[in-house]
Structures are given as C-alpha cells and as structure tokens.
Amino acid sequence: MLRLQVTKLLVLMHTLETDYPPVKSTAAWLNARPWVNQHYHIRCPPRVLSKRSSRNLVVFYSRVFSCEVPNPHADISRLARYLTGQAVGLVLGGGGAKGGAHVGIIRAFQVS
C-alpha cells in the first residue's frame, strides 16, 4: 500500500506592533503537536487580521492593490516566495576587505 506523506506548515500571524513571542513558548507549543513539519512567524498589517466576508474581501483588496504596490520585503512576501519556490538565498565569505564588497553586492541585488 502506498503511503502519502504531506508536509504540514503552520503560519502564526502577528500584528505589526507585536514583538515575536519568546522562542521557548513556541517550542513548547510545537512539541505537543508533532504533526507540524515547519512553522513561520509572520507580521501582518491590521487589515490582514480583520474579519470580513468573502465578498467584502475581494472588494477591499481590489481597492488596496489598485493603488498600493506590495512590499517585497514584508514577511508575507517572503513567505509567498518560499512557498512558491521563488526564494533566493545569499551566502557570503568572510574576512577583511571582503566585508565592504559584500555591502555593494547586497545593494546591487536589491536594486535589480
């Protein structure tokens, strides 16, 4: 018999004003739930956490995205890139004068 294993991701959403919870509180909570494979803490604007009907959500976000460009540096954008396989990592070497070059490389990546 074929067993299907599915990865279960848990996304914990926080308001922008909240500090992330201490590591020990999340770890204890997750230890009681072994079915969670990965988890993410995401800070969201208040509009994401508000309660609206499906119809009102479509109208609201149609207005929001017609005049507002999504922030590519926001936590939710970072999560979306990871989930869709579009995330990019950067590994830099250490030592001496390379540090100054690293700043230039990072700026060039942000611009492009």
PDB file of N, CA and C in Angstrom:
ATOM      1  N   MET A   1       0.841  -1.180   0.000  1.00  0.00           N
ATOM      2  CA  MET A   1       0.000   0.000   0.000  1.00  0.00           C
ATOM      3  C   MET A   1       0.893   1.254   0.000  1.00  0.00           C
ATOM      4  N   LEU A   2       0.536   2.211  -0.820  1.00  0.00           N
ATOM      5  CA  LEU A   2       1.299   3.446  -0.959  1.00  0.00           C
ATOM      6  C   LEU A   2       0.893   4.434   0.127  1.00  0.00           C
ATOM      7  N   ARG A   3       1.875   4.925   0.873  1.00  0.00           N
ATOM      8  CA  ARG A   3       1.605   5.941   1.892  1.00  0.00           C
ATOM      9  C   ARG A   3       1.968   7.308   1.342  1.00  0.00           C
ATOM     10  N   LEU A   4       1.082   8.231   1.529  1.00  0.00           N
ATOM     11  CA  LEU A   4       1.314   9.593   1.065  1.00  0.00           C
ATOM     12  C   LEU A   4       1.716  10.452   2.259  1.00  0.00           C
ATOM     13  N   GLN A   5       2.864  11.077   2.183  1.00  0.00           N
ATOM     14  CA  GLN A   5       3.315  11.963   3.252  1.00  0.00           C
ATOM     15  C   GLN A   5       3.140  13.400   2.786  1.00  0.00           C
ATOM     16  N   VAL A   6       2.454  14.192   3.563  1.00  0.00           N
ATOM     17  CA  VAL A   6       2.193  15.578   3.218  1.00  0.00           C
ATOM     18  C   VAL A   6       2.904  16.471   4.232  1.00  0.00           C
ATOM     19  N   THR A   7       3.586  17.481   3.752  1.00  0.00           N
ATOM     20  CA  THR A   7       4.233  18.439   4.642  1.00  0.00           C
ATOM     21  C   THR A   7       3.182  19.396   5.177  1.00  0.00           C
ATOM     22  N   LYS A   8       3.160  19.550   6.485  1.00  0.00           N
ATOM     23  CA  LYS A   8       2.192  20.441   7.123  1.00  0.00           C
ATOM     24  C   LYS A   8       2.911  21.670   7.650  1.00  0.00           C
ATOM     25  N   LEU A   9       2.549  22.831   7.120  1.00  0.00           N
ATOM     26  CA  LEU A   9       3.150  24.095   7.517  1.00  0.00           C
ATOM     27  C   LEU A   9       2.177  24.858   8.396  1.00  0.00           C
ATOM     28  N   LEU A  10       2.683  25.469   9.432  1.00  0.00           N
ATOM     29  CA  LEU A  10       1.874  26.289  10.327  1.00  0.00           C
ATOM     30  C   LEU A  10       2.366  27.720  10.214  1.00  0.00           C
ATOM     31  N   VAL A  11       1.460  28.642   9.910  1.00  0.00           N
ATOM     32  CA  VAL A  11       1.812  30.053   9.816  1.00  0.00           C
ATOM     33  C   VAL A  11       1.145  30.770  10.982  1.00  0.00           C
ATOM     34  N   LEU A  12       1.952  31.334  11.870  1.00  0.00           N
ATOM     35  CA  LEU A  12       1.456  32.075  13.029  1.00  0.00           C
ATOM     36  C   LEU A  12       1.505  33.556  12.678  1.00  0.00           C
ATOM     37  N   MET A  13       0.341  34.189  12.625  1.00  0.00           N
ATOM     38  CA  MET A  13       0.254  35.576  12.175  1.00  0.00           C
ATOM     39  C   MET A  13       0.167  36.508  13.376  1.00  0.00           C
ATOM     40  N   HIS A  14       0.997  37.553  13.363  1.00  0.00           N
ATOM     41  CA  HIS A  14       1.047  38.544  14.431  1.00  0.00           C
ATOM     42  C   HIS A  14       0.806  39.922  13.829  1.00  0.00           C
ATOM     43  N   THR A  15       0.356  40.868  14.661  1.00  0.00           N
ATOM     44  CA  THR A  15       0.218  42.248  14.188  1.00  0.00           C
ATOM     45  C   THR A  15       1.606  42.864  14.058  1.00  0.00           C
ATOM     46  N   LEU A  16       1.698  43.943  13.310  1.00  0.00           N
ATOM     47  CA  LEU A  16       2.989  44.608  13.105  1.00  0.00           C
ATOM     48  C   LEU A  16       3.572  45.142  14.409  1.00  0.00           C
ATOM     49  N   GLU A  17       2.700  45.523  15.343  1.00  0.00           N
ATOM     50  CA  GLU A  17       3.149  46.138  16.586  1.00  0.00           C
ATOM     51  C   GLU A  17       3.716  45.124  17.577  1.00  0.00           C
ATOM     52  N   THR A  18       3.365  43.851  17.429  1.00  0.00           N
ATOM     53  CA  THR A  18       3.787  42.849  18.412  1.00  0.00           C
ATOM     54  C   THR A  18       5.215  42.404  18.166  1.00  0.00           C
ATOM     55  N   ASP A  19       5.899  42.160  19.262  1.00  0.00           N
ATOM     56  CA  ASP A  19       7.207  41.516  19.153  1.00  0.00           C
ATOM     57  C   ASP A  19       6.950  40.035  18.972  1.00  0.00           C
ATOM     58  N   TYR A  20       7.876  39.360  18.324  1.00  0.00           N
ATOM     59  CA  TYR A  20       7.714  37.917  18.169  1.00  0.00           C
ATOM     60  C   TYR A  20       7.740  37.266  19.542  1.00  0.00           C
ATOM     61  N   PRO A  21       7.005  36.171  19.722  1.00  0.00           N
ATOM     62  CA  PRO A  21       6.992  35.519  21.040  1.00  0.00           C
ATOM     63  C   PRO A  21       8.354  34.912  21.357  1.00  0.00           C
ATOM     64  N   PRO A  22       8.625  34.732  22.669  1.00  0.00           N
ATOM     65  CA  PRO A  22       9.898  34.105  23.026  1.00  0.00           C
ATOM     66  C   PRO A  22      10.001  32.709  22.418  1.00  0.00           C
ATOM     67  N   VAL A  23      11.196  32.312  22.065  1.00  0.00           N
ATOM     68  CA  VAL A  23      11.410  31.021  21.403  1.00  0.00           C
ATOM     69  C   VAL A  23      10.876  29.873  22.240  1.00  0.00           C
ATOM     70  N   LYS A  24      11.043  29.931  23.550  1.00  0.00           N
ATOM     71  CA  LYS A  24      10.637  28.803  24.385  1.00  0.00           C
ATOM     72  C   LYS A  24       9.127  28.577  24.379  1.00  0.00           C
ATOM     73  N   SER A  25       8.325  29.636  24.240  1.00  0.00           N
ATOM     74  CA  SER A  25       6.872  29.421  24.243  1.00  0.00           C
ATOM     75  C   SER A  25       6.415  28.729  22.960  1.00  0.00           C
ATOM     76  N   THR A  26       6.991  29.084  21.827  1.00  0.00           N
ATOM     77  CA  THR A  26       6.635  28.430  20.572  1.00  0.00           C
ATOM     78  C   THR A  26       7.121  26.984  20.566  1.00  0.00           C
ATOM     79  N   ALA A  27       8.321  26.762  21.048  1.00  0.00           N
ATOM     80  CA  ALA A  27       8.888  25.408  21.058  1.00  0.00           C
ATOM     81  C   ALA A  27       8.035  24.467  21.903  1.00  0.00           C
ATOM     82  N   ALA A  28       7.607  24.918  23.067  1.00  0.00           N
ATOM     83  CA  ALA A  28       6.774  24.075  23.932  1.00  0.00           C
ATOM     84  C   ALA A  28       5.441  23.766  23.255  1.00  0.00           C
ATOM     85  N   TRP A  29       4.862  24.749  22.607  1.00  0.00           N
ATOM     86  CA  TRP A  29       3.579  24.561  21.932  1.00  0.00           C
ATOM     87  C   TRP A  29       3.729  23.568  20.778  1.00  0.00           C
ATOM     88  N   LEU A  30       4.809  23.705  20.011  1.00  0.00           N
ATOM     89  CA  LEU A  30       5.034  22.815  18.866  1.00  0.00           C
ATOM     90  C   LEU A  30       5.387  21.395  19.292  1.00  0.00           C
ATOM     91  N   ASN A  31       6.055  21.234  20.418  1.00  0.00           N
ATOM     92  CA  ASN A  31       6.396  19.887  20.896  1.00  0.00           C
ATOM     93  C   ASN A  31       5.153  19.052  21.156  1.00  0.00           C
ATOM     94  N   ALA A  32       4.055  19.699  21.508  1.00  0.00           N
ATOM     95  CA  ALA A  32       2.797  18.985  21.745  1.00  0.00           C
ATOM     96  C   ALA A  32       2.065  18.675  20.441  1.00  0.00           C
ATOM     97  N   ARG A  33       2.563  19.158  19.321  1.00  0.00           N
ATOM     98  CA  ARG A  33       1.932  18.958  18.007  1.00  0.00           C
ATOM     99  C   ARG A  33       2.963  18.422  17.020  1.00  0.00           C
ATOM    100  N   PRO A  34       3.281  17.144  17.114  1.00  0.00           N
ATOM    101  CA  PRO A  34       4.327  16.581  16.251  1.00  0.00           C
ATOM    102  C   PRO A  34       3.951  16.535  14.772  1.00  0.00           C
ATOM    103  N   TRP A  35       2.690  16.750  14.445  1.00  0.00           N
ATOM    104  CA  TRP A  35       2.255  16.711  13.052  1.00  0.00           C
ATOM    105  C   TRP A  35       2.685  17.954  12.274  1.00  0.00           C
ATOM    106  N   VAL A  36       3.122  19.023  12.962  1.00  0.00           N
ATOM    107  CA  VAL A  36       3.577  20.240  12.283  1.00  0.00           C
ATOM    108  C   VAL A  36       5.023  20.039  11.847  1.00  0.00           C
ATOM    109  N   ASN A  37       5.272  20.106  10.526  1.00  0.00           N
ATOM    110  CA  ASN A  37       6.624  19.916   9.997  1.00  0.00           C
ATOM    111  C   ASN A  37       7.464  21.190  10.048  1.00  0.00           C
ATOM    112  N   GLN A  38       6.856  22.321   9.707  1.00  0.00           N
ATOM    113  CA  GLN A  38       7.559  23.606   9.712  1.00  0.00           C
ATOM    114  C   GLN A  38       6.602  24.669  10.215  1.00  0.00           C
ATOM    115  N   HIS A  39       7.162  25.733  10.778  1.00  0.00           N
ATOM    116  CA  HIS A  39       6.308  26.841  11.204  1.00  0.00           C
ATOM    117  C   HIS A  39       6.989  28.166  10.881  1.00  0.00           C
ATOM    118  N   TYR A  40       6.173  29.198  10.723  1.00  0.00           N
ATOM    119  CA  TYR A  40       6.655  30.530  10.381  1.00  0.00           C
ATOM    120  C   TYR A  40       5.901  31.547  11.220  1.00  0.00           C
ATOM    121  N   HIS A  41       6.619  32.543  11.713  1.00  0.00           N
ATOM    122  CA  HIS A  41       6.007  33.690  12.379  1.00  0.00           C
ATOM    123  C   HIS A  41       5.974  34.815  11.353  1.00  0.00           C
ATOM    124  N   ILE A  42       4.802  35.375  11.117  1.00  0.00           N
ATOM    125  CA  ILE A  42       4.623  36.410  10.104  1.00  0.00           C
ATOM    126  C   ILE A  42       3.997  37.635  10.757  1.00  0.00           C
ATOM    127  N   ARG A  43       4.554  38.811  10.496  1.00  0.00           N
ATOM    128  CA  ARG A  43       3.933  40.065  10.937  1.00  0.00           C
ATOM    129  C   ARG A  43       3.071  40.583   9.794  1.00  0.00           C
ATOM    130  N   CYS A  44       1.827  40.940  10.120  1.00  0.00           N
ATOM    131  CA  CYS A  44       0.865  41.362   9.100  1.00  0.00           C
ATOM    132  C   CYS A  44       0.273  42.713   9.463  1.00  0.00           C
ATOM    133  N   PRO A  45      -0.103  43.507   8.457  1.00  0.00           N
ATOM    134  CA  PRO A  45      -0.829  44.741   8.742  1.00  0.00           C
ATOM    135  C   PRO A  45      -2.205  44.399   9.310  1.00  0.00           C
ATOM    136  N   PRO A  46      -2.800  45.303  10.081  1.00  0.00           N
ATOM    137  CA  PRO A  46      -4.095  45.018  10.716  1.00  0.00           C
ATOM    138  C   PRO A  46      -5.181  44.583   9.735  1.00  0.00           C
ATOM    139  N   ARG A  47      -5.130  45.075   8.494  1.00  0.00           N
ATOM    140  CA  ARG A  47      -6.182  44.719   7.534  1.00  0.00           C
ATOM    141  C   ARG A  47      -6.199  43.221   7.229  1.00  0.00           C
ATOM    142  N   VAL A  48      -5.053  42.548   7.345  1.00  0.00           N
ATOM    143  CA  VAL A  48      -4.989  41.111   7.065  1.00  0.00           C
ATOM    144  C   VAL A  48      -5.691  40.318   8.158  1.00  0.00           C
ATOM    145  N   LEU A  49      -5.641  40.816   9.386  1.00  0.00           N
ATOM    146  CA  LEU A  49      -6.205  40.093  10.520  1.00  0.00           C
ATOM    147  C   LEU A  49      -7.649  40.477  10.828  1.00  0.00           C
ATOM    148  N   SER A  50      -8.242  41.362  10.038  1.00  0.00           N
ATOM    149  CA  SER A  50      -9.626  41.765  10.296  1.00  0.00           C
ATOM    150  C   SER A  50     -10.600  40.728   9.749  1.00  0.00           C
ATOM    151  N   LYS A  51     -11.802  40.722  10.304  1.00  0.00           N
ATOM    152  CA  LYS A  51     -12.827  39.765   9.867  1.00  0.00           C
ATOM    153  C   LYS A  51     -13.718  40.434   8.822  1.00  0.00           C
ATOM    154  N   ARG A  52     -13.752  39.847   7.635  1.00  0.00           N
ATOM    155  CA  ARG A  52     -14.607  40.346   6.556  1.00  0.00           C
ATOM    156  C   ARG A  52     -15.182  39.155   5.811  1.00  0.00           C
ATOM    157  N   SER A  53     -16.318  39.370   5.185  1.00  0.00           N
ATOM    158  CA  SER A  53     -16.908  38.307   4.368  1.00  0.00           C
ATOM    159  C   SER A  53     -16.091  38.163   3.081  1.00  0.00           C
ATOM    160  N   SER A  54     -16.262  37.045   2.395  1.00  0.00           N
ATOM    161  CA  SER A  54     -15.513  36.798   1.154  1.00  0.00           C
ATOM    162  C   SER A  54     -15.755  37.895   0.125  1.00  0.00           C
ATOM    163  N   ARG A  55     -16.992  38.309  -0.008  1.00  0.00           N
ATOM    164  CA  ARG A  55     -17.324  39.344  -0.994  1.00  0.00           C
ATOM    165  C   ARG A  55     -16.633  40.659  -0.627  1.00  0.00           C
ATOM    166  N   ASN A  56     -16.688  41.020   0.652  1.00  0.00           N
ATOM    167  CA  ASN A  56     -16.051  42.264   1.083  1.00  0.00           C
ATOM    168  C   ASN A  56     -14.531  42.206   0.943  1.00  0.00           C
ATOM    169  N   LEU A  57     -13.948  41.025   1.119  1.00  0.00           N
ATOM    170  CA  LEU A  57     -12.500  40.874   0.955  1.00  0.00           C
ATOM    171  C   LEU A  57     -12.073  41.172  -0.476  1.00  0.00           C
ATOM    172  N   VAL A  58     -12.822  40.645  -1.439  1.00  0.00           N
ATOM    173  CA  VAL A  58     -12.488  40.867  -2.852  1.00  0.00           C
ATOM    174  C   VAL A  58     -12.570  42.354  -3.178  1.00  0.00           C
ATOM    175  N   VAL A  59     -13.622  43.011  -2.732  1.00  0.00           N
ATOM    176  CA  VAL A  59     -13.786  44.444  -2.993  1.00  0.00           C
ATOM    177  C   VAL A  59     -12.666  45.230  -2.319  1.00  0.00           C
ATOM    178  N   PHE A  60     -12.399  44.909  -1.054  1.00  0.00           N
ATOM    179  CA  PHE A  60     -11.383  45.634  -0.289  1.00  0.00           C
ATOM    180  C   PHE A  60     -10.008  45.511  -0.935  1.00  0.00           C
ATOM    181  N   TYR A  61      -9.573  44.282  -1.242  1.00  0.00           N
ATOM    182  CA  TYR A  61      -8.234  44.104  -1.795  1.00  0.00           C
ATOM    183  C   TYR A  61      -8.135  44.561  -3.241  1.00  0.00           C
ATOM    184  N   SER A  62      -9.225  44.611  -3.972  1.00  0.00           N
ATOM    185  CA  SER A  62      -9.190  45.196  -5.316  1.00  0.00           C
ATOM    186  C   SER A  62      -8.821  46.670  -5.218  1.00  0.00           C
ATOM    187  N   ARG A  63      -9.390  47.352  -4.207  1.00  0.00           N
ATOM    188  CA  ARG A  63      -9.063  48.767  -3.997  1.00  0.00           C
ATOM    189  C   ARG A  63      -7.630  48.937  -3.491  1.00  0.00           C
ATOM    190  N   VAL A  64      -7.229  48.092  -2.542  1.00  0.00           N
ATOM    191  CA  VAL A  64      -5.888  48.209  -1.950  1.00  0.00           C
ATOM    192  C   VAL A  64      -4.817  48.035  -3.013  1.00  0.00           C
ATOM    193  N   PHE A  65      -4.912  46.980  -3.829  1.00  0.00           N
ATOM    194  CA  PHE A  65      -3.851  46.695  -4.785  1.00  0.00           C
ATOM    195  C   PHE A  65      -3.937  47.528  -6.052  1.00  0.00           C
ATOM    196  N   SER A  66      -5.014  48.266  -6.241  1.00  0.00           N
ATOM    197  CA  SER A  66      -5.060  49.167  -7.390  1.00  0.00           C
ATOM    198  C   SER A  66      -4.217  50.411  -7.131  1.00  0.00           C
ATOM    199  N   CYS A  67      -3.967  50.742  -5.850  1.00  0.00           N
ATOM    200  CA  CYS A  67      -3.196  51.947  -5.551  1.00  0.00           C
ATOM    201  C   CYS A  67      -1.956  51.667  -4.699  1.00  0.00           C
ATOM    202  N   GLU A  68      -1.738  50.434  -4.287  1.00  0.00           N
ATOM    203  CA  GLU A  68      -0.611  50.116  -3.401  1.00  0.00           C
ATOM    204  C   GLU A  68       0.182  48.939  -3.964  1.00  0.00           C
ATOM    205  N   VAL A  69       1.475  49.124  -4.104  1.00  0.00           N
ATOM    206  CA  VAL A  69       2.352  48.052  -4.577  1.00  0.00           C
ATOM    207  C   VAL A  69       2.767  47.211  -3.365  1.00  0.00           C
ATOM    208  N   PRO A  70       2.644  45.881  -3.437  1.00  0.00           N
ATOM    209  CA  PRO A  70       3.053  45.051  -2.301  1.00  0.00           C
ATOM    210  C   PRO A  70       4.539  45.243  -1.972  1.00  0.00           C
ATOM    211  N   ASN A  71       4.852  45.249  -0.694  1.00  0.00           N
ATOM    212  CA  ASN A  71       6.225  45.418  -0.222  1.00  0.00           C
ATOM    213  C   ASN A  71       6.981  44.094  -0.365  1.00  0.00           C
ATOM    214  N   PRO A  72       8.002  44.028  -1.214  1.00  0.00           N
ATOM    215  CA  PRO A  72       8.719  42.756  -1.405  1.00  0.00           C
ATOM    216  C   PRO A  72       9.527  42.330  -0.183  1.00  0.00           C
ATOM    217  N   HIS A  73       9.723  43.247   0.774  1.00  0.00           N
ATOM    218  CA  HIS A  73      10.496  42.931   1.976  1.00  0.00           C
ATOM    219  C   HIS A  73       9.607  42.529   3.149  1.00  0.00           C
ATOM    220  N   ALA A  74       8.298  42.545   2.976  1.00  0.00           N
ATOM    221  CA  ALA A  74       7.380  42.184   4.055  1.00  0.00           C
ATOM    222  C   ALA A  74       7.459  40.687   4.338  1.00  0.00           C
ATOM    223  N   ASP A  75       7.134  40.318   5.573  1.00  0.00           N
ATOM    224  CA  ASP A  75       7.173  38.905   5.962  1.00  0.00           C
ATOM    225  C   ASP A  75       6.278  38.054   5.072  1.00  0.00           C
ATOM    226  N   ILE A  76       5.095  38.557   4.746  1.00  0.00           N
ATOM    227  CA  ILE A  76       4.137  37.773   3.958  1.00  0.00           C
ATOM    228  C   ILE A  76       4.678  37.564   2.539  1.00  0.00           C
ATOM    229  N   SER A  77       5.385  38.554   1.995  1.00  0.00           N
ATOM    230  CA  SER A  77       6.000  38.401   0.669  1.00  0.00           C
ATOM    231  C   SER A  77       7.113  37.361   0.714  1.00  0.00           C
ATOM    232  N   ARG A  78       7.874  37.387   1.795  1.00  0.00           N
ATOM    233  CA  ARG A  78       8.962  36.411   1.964  1.00  0.00           C
ATOM    234  C   ARG A  78       8.402  34.998   2.043  1.00  0.00           C
ATOM    235  N   LEU A  79       7.310  34.825   2.795  1.00  0.00           N
ATOM    236  CA  LEU A  79       6.673  33.510   2.909  1.00  0.00           C
ATOM    237  C   LEU A  79       6.131  33.058   1.552  1.00  0.00           C
ATOM    238  N   ALA A  80       5.513  33.977   0.816  1.00  0.00           N
ATOM    239  CA  ALA A  80       4.966  33.631  -0.503  1.00  0.00           C
ATOM    240  C   ALA A  80       6.075  33.163  -1.447  1.00  0.00           C
ATOM    241  N   ARG A  81       7.221  33.834  -1.418  1.00  0.00           N
ATOM    242  CA  ARG A  81       8.344  33.401  -2.266  1.00  0.00           C
ATOM    243  C   ARG A  81       8.817  32.010  -1.875  1.00  0.00           C
ATOM    244  N   TYR A  82       8.876  31.731  -0.582  1.00  0.00           N
ATOM    245  CA  TYR A  82       9.322  30.410  -0.125  1.00  0.00           C
ATOM    246  C   TYR A  82       8.339  29.326  -0.554  1.00  0.00           C
ATOM    247  N   LEU A  83       7.046  29.571  -0.348  1.00  0.00           N
ATOM    248  CA  LEU A  83       6.032  28.560  -0.659  1.00  0.00           C
ATOM    249  C   LEU A  83       5.914  28.286  -2.150  1.00  0.00           C
ATOM    250  N   THR A  84       6.210  29.285  -2.973  1.00  0.00           N
ATOM    251  CA  THR A  84       6.107  29.105  -4.424  1.00  0.00           C
ATOM    252  C   THR A  84       7.436  28.709  -5.063  1.00  0.00           C
ATOM    253  N   GLY A  85       8.460  28.482  -4.243  1.00  0.00           N
ATOM    254  CA  GLY A  85       9.752  28.067  -4.775  1.00  0.00           C
ATOM    255  C   GLY A  85      10.539  29.189  -5.428  1.00  0.00           C
ATOM    256  N   GLN A  86      10.218  30.440  -5.103  1.00  0.00           N
ATOM    257  CA  GLN A  86      10.897  31.585  -5.701  1.00  0.00           C
ATOM    258  C   GLN A  86      11.902  32.239  -4.755  1.00  0.00           C
ATOM    259  N   ALA A  87      12.116  31.662  -3.568  1.00  0.00           N
ATOM    260  CA  ALA A  87      13.027  32.253  -2.585  1.00  0.00           C
ATOM    261  C   ALA A  87      14.469  32.149  -3.068  1.00  0.00           C
ATOM    262  N   VAL A  88      15.255  33.153  -2.732  1.00  0.00           N
ATOM    263  CA  VAL A  88      16.661  33.188  -3.114  1.00  0.00           C
ATOM    264  C   VAL A  88      17.482  33.395  -1.846  1.00  0.00           C
ATOM    265  N   GLY A  89      18.539  32.606  -1.696  1.00  0.00           N
ATOM    266  CA  GLY A  89      19.432  32.761  -0.557  1.00  0.00           C
ATOM    267  C   GLY A  89      20.759  33.335  -1.008  1.00  0.00           C
ATOM    268  N   LEU A  90      21.474  33.933  -0.088  1.00  0.00           N
ATOM    269  CA  LEU A  90      22.761  34.536  -0.406  1.00  0.00           C
ATOM    270  C   LEU A  90      23.767  34.107   0.656  1.00  0.00           C
ATOM    271  N   VAL A  91      24.883  33.545   0.222  1.00  0.00           N
ATOM    272  CA  VAL A  91      25.955  33.132   1.131  1.00  0.00           C
ATOM    273  C   VAL A  91      27.184  33.949   0.786  1.00  0.00           C
ATOM    274  N   LEU A  92      27.754  34.602   1.784  1.00  0.00           N
ATOM    275  CA  LEU A  92      28.929  35.443   1.574  1.00  0.00           C
ATOM    276  C   LEU A  92      30.102  34.901   2.377  1.00  0.00           C
ATOM    277  N   GLY A  93      31.306  35.032   1.828  1.00  0.00           N
ATOM    278  CA  GLY A  93      32.512  34.615   2.538  1.00  0.00           C
ATOM    279  C   GLY A  93      32.940  35.684   3.528  1.00  0.00           C
ATOM    280  N   GLY A  94      33.804  35.334   4.447  1.00  0.00           N
ATOM    281  CA  GLY A  94      34.221  36.292   5.466  1.00  0.00           C
ATOM    282  C   GLY A  94      35.665  36.693   5.314  1.00  0.00           C
ATOM    283  N   GLY A  95      36.025  37.719   6.064  1.00  0.00           N
ATOM    284  CA  GLY A  95      37.419  38.090   6.157  1.00  0.00           C
ATOM    285  C   GLY A  95      37.774  39.418   5.535  1.00  0.00           C
ATOM    286  N   GLY A  96      38.315  40.283   6.351  1.00  0.00           N
ATOM    287  CA  GLY A  96      38.946  41.524   5.916  1.00  0.00           C
ATOM    288  C   GLY A  96      38.153  42.408   4.986  1.00  0.00           C
ATOM    289  N   ALA A  97      38.757  42.735   3.852  1.00  0.00           N
ATOM    290  CA  ALA A  97      38.196  43.709   2.917  1.00  0.00           C
ATOM    291  C   ALA A  97      36.959  43.206   2.192  1.00  0.00           C
ATOM    292  N   LYS A  98      36.688  41.923   2.286  1.00  0.00           N
ATOM    293  CA  LYS A  98      35.512  41.386   1.601  1.00  0.00           C
ATOM    294  C   LYS A  98      34.218  41.979   2.153  1.00  0.00           C
ATOM    295  N   GLY A  99      34.240  42.402   3.415  1.00  0.00           N
ATOM    296  CA  GLY A  99      33.037  42.961   4.034  1.00  0.00           C
ATOM    297  C   GLY A  99      32.496  44.157   3.278  1.00  0.00           C
ATOM    298  N   GLY A 100      33.383  45.053   2.837  1.00  0.00           N
ATOM    299  CA  GLY A 100      32.953  46.218   2.063  1.00  0.00           C
ATOM    300  C   GLY A 100      32.364  45.821   0.725  1.00  0.00           C
ATOM    301  N   ALA A 101      32.940  44.821   0.093  1.00  0.00           N
ATOM    302  CA  ALA A 101      32.416  44.339  -1.187  1.00  0.00           C
ATOM    303  C   ALA A 101      31.043  43.708  -1.001  1.00  0.00           C
ATOM    304  N   HIS A 102      30.843  43.057   0.138  1.00  0.00           N
ATOM    305  CA  HIS A 102      29.548  42.421   0.397  1.00  0.00           C
ATOM    306  C   HIS A 102      28.423  43.442   0.434  1.00  0.00           C
ATOM    307  N   VAL A 103      28.688  44.605   1.019  1.00  0.00           N
ATOM    308  CA  VAL A 103      27.667  45.658   1.070  1.00  0.00           C
ATOM    309  C   VAL A 103      27.267  46.052  -0.345  1.00  0.00           C
ATOM    310  N   GLY A 104      28.238  46.210  -1.223  1.00  0.00           N
ATOM    311  CA  GLY A 104      27.949  46.561  -2.616  1.00  0.00           C
ATOM    312  C   GLY A 104      27.173  45.483  -3.341  1.00  0.00           C
ATOM    313  N   ILE A 105      27.503  44.236  -3.087  1.00  0.00           N
ATOM    314  CA  ILE A 105      26.799  43.119  -3.726  1.00  0.00           C
ATOM    315  C   ILE A 105      25.343  43.084  -3.280  1.00  0.00           C
ATOM    316  N   ILE A 106      25.120  43.247  -1.977  1.00  0.00           N
ATOM    317  CA  ILE A 106      23.746  43.212  -1.454  1.00  0.00           C
ATOM    318  C   ILE A 106      22.931  44.359  -2.040  1.00  0.00           C
ATOM    319  N   ARG A 107      23.513  45.553  -2.120  1.00  0.00           N
ATOM    320  CA  ARG A 107      22.793  46.694  -2.713  1.00  0.00           C
ATOM    321  C   ARG A 107      22.458  46.430  -4.181  1.00  0.00           C
ATOM    322  N   ALA A 108      23.384  45.843  -4.909  1.00  0.00           N
ATOM    323  CA  ALA A 108      23.143  45.542  -6.326  1.00  0.00           C
ATOM    324  C   ALA A 108      21.996  44.547  -6.480  1.00  0.00           C
ATOM    325  N   PHE A 109      21.938  43.547  -5.603  1.00  0.00           N
ATOM    326  CA  PHE A 109      20.834  42.587  -5.658  1.00  0.00           C
ATOM    327  C   PHE A 109      19.502  43.252  -5.344  1.00  0.00           C
ATOM    328  N   GLN A 110      19.496  44.167  -4.379  1.00  0.00           N
ATOM    329  CA  GLN A 110      18.249  44.840  -4.014  1.00  0.00           C
ATOM    330  C   GLN A 110      17.743  45.729  -5.138  1.00  0.00           C
ATOM    331  N   VAL A 111      18.651  46.352  -5.864  1.00  0.00           N
ATOM    332  CA  VAL A 111      18.264  47.234  -6.963  1.00  0.00           C
ATOM    333  C   VAL A 111      17.706  46.444  -8.134  1.00  0.00           C
ATOM    334  N   SER A 112      18.298  45.285  -8.421  1.00  0.00           N
ATOM    335  CA  SER A 112      17.859  44.515  -9.593  1.00  0.00           C
ATOM    336  C   SER A 112      16.625  43.696  -9.330  1.00  0.00           C
TER     337      SER A 112
END
